[in-house]
Amino acid sequence: FKRRLKAAQDQLNDSFAACWNDAAQREQAERLMRRMQFLDKLTYEVRQLEERLDD
């Protein structure tokens, strides 16, 4: 799961970088940014769950 999550983050980062500087794609970049924030939060939650399981 963590590998797939990291791959999704990498793909989003690449897509975001490709369209961020293009004014015509600004809306797409903002959508990608929200998805990146969601995946960051999901990664954080997974890390928290792993720590709880280790305790």
N, C-alpha and C. Protein backbone atom coordinates (compact mmCIF):
# COMPACT_ATOMS: atom_id res chain seq x y z
N PHE A 1 0.83 -1.20 0.00
CA PHE A 1 0.00 0.00 0.00
C PHE A 1 0.87 1.26 0.00
N LYS A 2 1.88 1.24 0.85
CA LYS A 2 2.76 2.42 0.93
C LYS A 2 3.50 2.66 -0.38
N ARG A 3 3.87 1.58 -1.06
CA ARG A 3 4.55 1.72 -2.35
C ARG A 3 3.63 2.36 -3.38
N ARG A 4 2.37 1.91 -3.40
CA ARG A 4 1.40 2.48 -4.34
C ARG A 4 1.11 3.94 -4.01
N LEU A 5 1.05 4.26 -2.73
CA LEU A 5 0.82 5.62 -2.30
C LEU A 5 1.97 6.53 -2.74
N LYS A 6 3.20 6.05 -2.56
CA LYS A 6 4.37 6.83 -2.97
C LYS A 6 4.40 7.01 -4.49
N ALA A 7 4.04 5.97 -5.23
CA ALA A 7 4.01 6.07 -6.69
C ALA A 7 2.96 7.09 -7.13
N ALA A 8 1.81 7.10 -6.47
CA ALA A 8 0.76 8.08 -6.80
C ALA A 8 1.24 9.49 -6.50
N GLN A 9 1.94 9.67 -5.38
CA GLN A 9 2.46 10.99 -5.04
C GLN A 9 3.48 11.45 -6.09
N ASP A 10 4.37 10.56 -6.49
CA ASP A 10 5.37 10.91 -7.50
C ASP A 10 4.72 11.30 -8.82
N GLN A 11 3.70 10.55 -9.22
CA GLN A 11 3.01 10.85 -10.47
C GLN A 11 2.30 12.20 -10.39
N LEU A 12 1.66 12.48 -9.26
CA LEU A 12 1.00 13.77 -9.08
C LEU A 12 2.01 14.91 -9.11
N ASN A 13 3.14 14.72 -8.45
CA ASN A 13 4.17 15.76 -8.44
C ASN A 13 4.65 16.06 -9.86
N ASP A 14 4.85 15.03 -10.65
CA ASP A 14 5.28 15.23 -12.04
C ASP A 14 4.22 15.97 -12.85
N SER A 15 2.98 15.56 -12.70
CA SER A 15 1.88 16.21 -13.43
C SER A 15 1.74 17.67 -13.00
N PHE A 16 1.86 17.91 -11.71
CA PHE A 16 1.75 19.26 -11.17
C PHE A 16 2.86 20.15 -11.74
N ALA A 17 4.08 19.64 -11.72
CA ALA A 17 5.22 20.42 -12.23
C ALA A 17 5.05 20.76 -13.70
N ALA A 18 4.44 19.84 -14.44
CA ALA A 18 4.27 20.05 -15.88
C ALA A 18 3.25 21.15 -16.20
N CYS A 19 2.27 21.35 -15.34
CA CYS A 19 1.22 22.31 -15.69
C CYS A 19 1.20 23.56 -14.81
N TRP A 20 2.02 23.65 -13.78
CA TRP A 20 1.96 24.78 -12.86
C TRP A 20 2.32 26.11 -13.54
N ASN A 21 3.30 26.13 -14.38
CA ASN A 21 3.75 27.38 -15.01
C ASN A 21 2.91 27.80 -16.20
N ASP A 22 2.00 26.96 -16.63
CA ASP A 22 1.14 27.26 -17.78
C ASP A 22 -0.16 27.86 -17.26
N ALA A 23 -0.38 29.14 -17.54
CA ALA A 23 -1.57 29.83 -17.05
C ALA A 23 -2.86 29.16 -17.52
N ALA A 24 -2.83 28.57 -18.70
CA ALA A 24 -4.03 27.91 -19.24
C ALA A 24 -4.38 26.66 -18.43
N GLN A 25 -3.41 26.10 -17.74
CA GLN A 25 -3.65 24.88 -16.96
C GLN A 25 -3.67 25.14 -15.46
N ARG A 26 -3.84 26.37 -15.06
CA ARG A 26 -3.79 26.73 -13.63
C ARG A 26 -4.86 25.99 -12.83
N GLU A 27 -6.06 25.87 -13.39
CA GLU A 27 -7.14 25.16 -12.68
C GLU A 27 -6.77 23.70 -12.46
N GLN A 28 -6.19 23.07 -13.46
CA GLN A 28 -5.73 21.68 -13.33
C GLN A 28 -4.65 21.58 -12.25
N ALA A 29 -3.74 22.54 -12.23
CA ALA A 29 -2.68 22.54 -11.23
C ALA A 29 -3.26 22.66 -9.82
N GLU A 30 -4.29 23.47 -9.66
CA GLU A 30 -4.92 23.62 -8.34
C GLU A 30 -5.61 22.33 -7.91
N ARG A 31 -6.23 21.63 -8.86
CA ARG A 31 -6.84 20.33 -8.54
C ARG A 31 -5.78 19.33 -8.11
N LEU A 32 -4.68 19.32 -8.85
CA LEU A 32 -3.58 18.41 -8.50
C LEU A 32 -3.00 18.75 -7.13
N MET A 33 -2.93 20.03 -6.82
CA MET A 33 -2.41 20.44 -5.53
C MET A 33 -3.30 19.91 -4.39
N ARG A 34 -4.61 19.98 -4.58
CA ARG A 34 -5.53 19.44 -3.56
C ARG A 34 -5.35 17.94 -3.42
N ARG A 35 -5.15 17.25 -4.53
CA ARG A 35 -4.91 15.79 -4.46
C ARG A 35 -3.60 15.50 -3.75
N MET A 36 -2.58 16.31 -4.01
CA MET A 36 -1.30 16.12 -3.35
C MET A 36 -1.45 16.32 -1.84
N GLN A 37 -2.22 17.32 -1.44
CA GLN A 37 -2.45 17.55 -0.02
C GLN A 37 -3.19 16.38 0.61
N PHE A 38 -4.15 15.83 -0.10
CA PHE A 38 -4.88 14.67 0.40
C PHE A 38 -3.94 13.48 0.59
N LEU A 39 -3.09 13.22 -0.40
CA LEU A 39 -2.15 12.10 -0.29
C LEU A 39 -1.13 12.33 0.82
N ASP A 40 -0.73 13.57 1.03
CA ASP A 40 0.17 13.87 2.15
C ASP A 40 -0.50 13.54 3.48
N LYS A 41 -1.76 13.91 3.60
CA LYS A 41 -2.50 13.61 4.83
C LYS A 41 -2.66 12.11 4.99
N LEU A 42 -2.95 11.42 3.92
CA LEU A 42 -3.09 9.97 3.97
C LEU A 42 -1.77 9.31 4.39
N THR A 43 -0.67 9.79 3.86
CA THR A 43 0.65 9.27 4.25
C THR A 43 0.89 9.49 5.73
N TYR A 44 0.54 10.66 6.22
CA TYR A 44 0.68 10.96 7.65
C TYR A 44 -0.15 9.99 8.49
N GLU A 45 -1.39 9.77 8.08
CA GLU A 45 -2.27 8.87 8.82
C GLU A 45 -1.73 7.44 8.83
N VAL A 46 -1.19 6.99 7.71
CA VAL A 46 -0.60 5.65 7.63
C VAL A 46 0.57 5.55 8.61
N ARG A 47 1.39 6.58 8.64
CA ARG A 47 2.53 6.60 9.56
C ARG A 47 2.06 6.53 11.01
N GLN A 48 1.00 7.28 11.32
CA GLN A 48 0.45 7.26 12.68
C GLN A 48 -0.06 5.87 13.04
N LEU A 49 -0.75 5.23 12.11
CA LEU A 49 -1.26 3.88 12.37
C LEU A 49 -0.12 2.89 12.59
N GLU A 50 0.93 3.02 11.80
CA GLU A 50 2.08 2.13 11.98
C GLU A 50 2.70 2.31 13.36
N GLU A 51 2.80 3.56 13.81
CA GLU A 51 3.36 3.82 15.14
C GLU A 51 2.48 3.22 16.23
N ARG A 52 1.18 3.32 16.07
CA ARG A 52 0.26 2.73 17.06
C ARG A 52 0.39 1.22 17.10
N LEU A 53 0.56 0.63 15.93
CA LEU A 53 0.71 -0.83 15.89
C LEU A 53 2.02 -1.27 16.53
N ASP A 54 3.04 -0.44 16.42
CA ASP A 54 4.34 -0.78 17.02
C ASP A 54 4.32 -0.67 18.54
N ASP A 55 3.42 0.13 19.07
CA ASP A 55 3.35 0.31 20.54
C ASP A 55 2.78 -0.88 21.25
